[in-house]
Amino acid sequence: MPLEAGLLEILACPACHAPLDDATAAETPELICTGKDCGLAYPVRDGIPVLLVDEARRPG
Protein backbone atom coordinates (compact mmCIF):
# COMPACT_ATOMS: atom_id res chain seq x y z
CA MET A 1 0.00 0.00 0.00
CA PRO A 2 1.63 3.28 -1.08
CA LEU A 3 1.90 6.18 1.34
CA GLU A 4 -0.15 9.31 0.84
CA ALA A 5 1.74 11.84 -1.27
CA GLY A 6 1.45 14.59 1.35
CA LEU A 7 2.77 12.32 4.09
CA LEU A 8 6.01 11.54 2.28
CA GLU A 9 6.66 15.26 1.77
CA ILE A 10 6.68 15.98 5.51
CA LEU A 11 8.57 12.91 6.76
CA ALA A 12 12.30 13.10 7.47
CA CYS A 13 14.96 10.68 8.68
CA PRO A 14 15.03 10.75 12.49
CA ALA A 15 18.80 10.17 12.47
CA CYS A 16 19.98 12.93 10.10
CA HIS A 17 16.78 14.85 9.17
CA ALA A 18 17.23 14.30 5.41
CA PRO A 19 14.16 13.65 3.21
CA LEU A 20 12.97 10.07 2.76
CA ASP A 21 12.39 8.27 -0.54
CA ASP A 22 9.56 5.75 -0.98
CA ALA A 23 10.77 2.27 -1.96
CA THR A 24 7.42 0.45 -1.91
CA ALA A 25 8.17 -1.22 -5.23
CA ALA A 26 10.56 -3.52 -3.37
CA GLU A 27 9.39 -6.81 -1.91
CA THR A 28 9.42 -5.25 1.56
CA PRO A 29 8.09 -1.67 1.56
CA GLU A 30 10.41 0.82 3.22
CA LEU A 31 11.46 4.45 3.28
CA ILE A 32 15.08 5.14 2.37
CA CYS A 33 16.97 8.12 3.76
CA THR A 34 18.39 10.32 1.00
CA GLY A 35 21.22 11.67 3.18
CA LYS A 36 24.54 10.80 1.54
CA ASP A 37 26.18 9.73 4.83
CA CYS A 38 23.13 8.03 6.36
CA GLY A 39 21.09 5.86 3.94
CA LEU A 40 19.05 4.07 6.61
CA ALA A 41 15.99 2.11 5.44
CA TYR A 42 12.91 2.33 7.63
CA PRO A 43 10.22 -0.37 7.34
CA VAL A 44 6.62 0.37 6.43
CA ARG A 45 4.25 -2.03 8.21
CA ASP A 46 0.56 -2.11 7.27
CA GLY A 47 0.97 1.26 5.55
CA ILE A 48 2.52 2.88 8.64
CA PRO A 49 6.17 4.03 8.53
CA VAL A 50 8.20 2.85 11.53
CA LEU A 51 10.63 5.74 11.96
CA LEU A 52 12.70 4.30 14.78
CA VAL A 53 16.47 4.21 14.31
CA ASP A 54 16.57 0.89 16.18
CA GLU A 55 14.18 -0.64 13.60
CA ALA A 56 16.08 0.72 10.55
CA ARG A 57 18.53 -1.28 8.50
CA ARG A 58 21.59 -0.18 6.54
CA PRO A 59 21.15 -1.04 2.88
CA GLY A 60 24.01 -3.15 1.67
C-alpha atoms as a PDB file:
ATOM      1  CA  MET A   1       0.000   0.000   0.000  1.00  0.00           C
ATOM      2  CA  PRO A   2       1.633   3.280  -1.082  1.00  0.00           C
ATOM      3  CA  LEU A   3       1.897   6.175   1.338  1.00  0.00           C
ATOM      4  CA  GLU A   4      -0.150   9.306   0.841  1.00  0.00           C
ATOM      5  CA  ALA A   5       1.739  11.844  -1.275  1.00  0.00           C
ATOM      6  CA  GLY A   6       1.453  14.588   1.347  1.00  0.00           C
ATOM      7  CA  LEU A   7       2.772  12.320   4.094  1.00  0.00           C
ATOM      8  CA  LEU A   8       6.014  11.536   2.281  1.00  0.00           C
ATOM      9  CA  GLU A   9       6.662  15.255   1.772  1.00  0.00           C
ATOM     10  CA  ILE A  10       6.682  15.983   5.511  1.00  0.00           C
ATOM     11  CA  LEU A  11       8.571  12.912   6.764  1.00  0.00           C
ATOM     12  CA  ALA A  12      12.304  13.098   7.468  1.00  0.00           C
ATOM     13  CA  CYS A  13      14.955  10.679   8.679  1.00  0.00           C
ATOM     14  CA  PRO A  14      15.025  10.748  12.489  1.00  0.00           C
ATOM     15  CA  ALA A  15      18.801  10.166  12.468  1.00  0.00           C
ATOM     16  CA  CYS A  16      19.984  12.926  10.098  1.00  0.00           C
ATOM     17  CA  HIS A  17      16.782  14.853   9.172  1.00  0.00           C
ATOM     18  CA  ALA A  18      17.234  14.300   5.407  1.00  0.00           C
ATOM     19  CA  PRO A  19      14.163  13.648   3.209  1.00  0.00           C
ATOM     20  CA  LEU A  20      12.966  10.068   2.760  1.00  0.00           C
ATOM     21  CA  ASP A  21      12.391   8.266  -0.544  1.00  0.00           C
ATOM     22  CA  ASP A  22       9.562   5.754  -0.983  1.00  0.00           C
ATOM     23  CA  ALA A  23      10.767   2.273  -1.955  1.00  0.00           C
ATOM     24  CA  THR A  24       7.417   0.452  -1.909  1.00  0.00           C
ATOM     25  CA  ALA A  25       8.174  -1.218  -5.235  1.00  0.00           C
ATOM     26  CA  ALA A  26      10.565  -3.517  -3.366  1.00  0.00           C
ATOM     27  CA  GLU A  27       9.392  -6.814  -1.907  1.00  0.00           C
ATOM     28  CA  THR A  28       9.423  -5.251   1.564  1.00  0.00           C
ATOM     29  CA  PRO A  29       8.093  -1.668   1.561  1.00  0.00           C
ATOM     30  CA  GLU A  30      10.408   0.817   3.218  1.00  0.00           C
ATOM     31  CA  LEU A  31      11.462   4.445   3.276  1.00  0.00           C
ATOM     32  CA  ILE A  32      15.080   5.136   2.367  1.00  0.00           C
ATOM     33  CA  CYS A  33      16.972   8.117   3.757  1.00  0.00           C
ATOM     34  CA  THR A  34      18.390  10.324   1.000  1.00  0.00           C
ATOM     35  CA  GLY A  35      21.216  11.668   3.181  1.00  0.00           C
ATOM     36  CA  LYS A  36      24.545  10.799   1.544  1.00  0.00           C
ATOM     37  CA  ASP A  37      26.175   9.726   4.827  1.00  0.00           C
ATOM     38  CA  CYS A  38      23.125   8.028   6.356  1.00  0.00           C
ATOM     39  CA  GLY A  39      21.094   5.855   3.938  1.00  0.00           C
ATOM     40  CA  LEU A  40      19.051   4.067   6.611  1.00  0.00           C
ATOM     41  CA  ALA A  41      15.994   2.110   5.440  1.00  0.00           C
ATOM     42  CA  TYR A  42      12.907   2.329   7.633  1.00  0.00           C
ATOM     43  CA  PRO A  43      10.223  -0.370   7.341  1.00  0.00           C
ATOM     44  CA  VAL A  44       6.618   0.368   6.432  1.00  0.00           C
ATOM     45  CA  ARG A  45       4.251  -2.033   8.209  1.00  0.00           C
ATOM     46  CA  ASP A  46       0.565  -2.113   7.268  1.00  0.00           C
ATOM     47  CA  GLY A  47       0.974   1.256   5.545  1.00  0.00           C
ATOM     48  CA  ILE A  48       2.519   2.880   8.636  1.00  0.00           C
ATOM     49  CA  PRO A  49       6.170   4.032   8.531  1.00  0.00           C
ATOM     50  CA  VAL A  50       8.199   2.845  11.530  1.00  0.00           C
ATOM     51  CA  LEU A  51      10.633   5.744  11.958  1.00  0.00           C
ATOM     52  CA  LEU A  52      12.705   4.296  14.777  1.00  0.00           C
ATOM     53  CA  VAL A  53      16.470   4.214  14.306  1.00  0.00           C
ATOM     54  CA  ASP A  54      16.570   0.891  16.182  1.00  0.00           C
ATOM     55  CA  GLU A  55      14.179  -0.638  13.599  1.00  0.00           C
ATOM     56  CA  ALA A  56      16.077   0.721  10.552  1.00  0.00           C
ATOM     57  CA  ARG A  57      18.535  -1.279   8.501  1.00  0.00           C
ATOM     58  CA  ARG A  58      21.591  -0.181   6.543  1.00  0.00           C
ATOM     59  CA  PRO A  59      21.146  -1.042   2.879  1.00  0.00           C
ATOM     60  CA  GLY A  60      24.011  -3.150   1.667  1.00  0.00           C
END
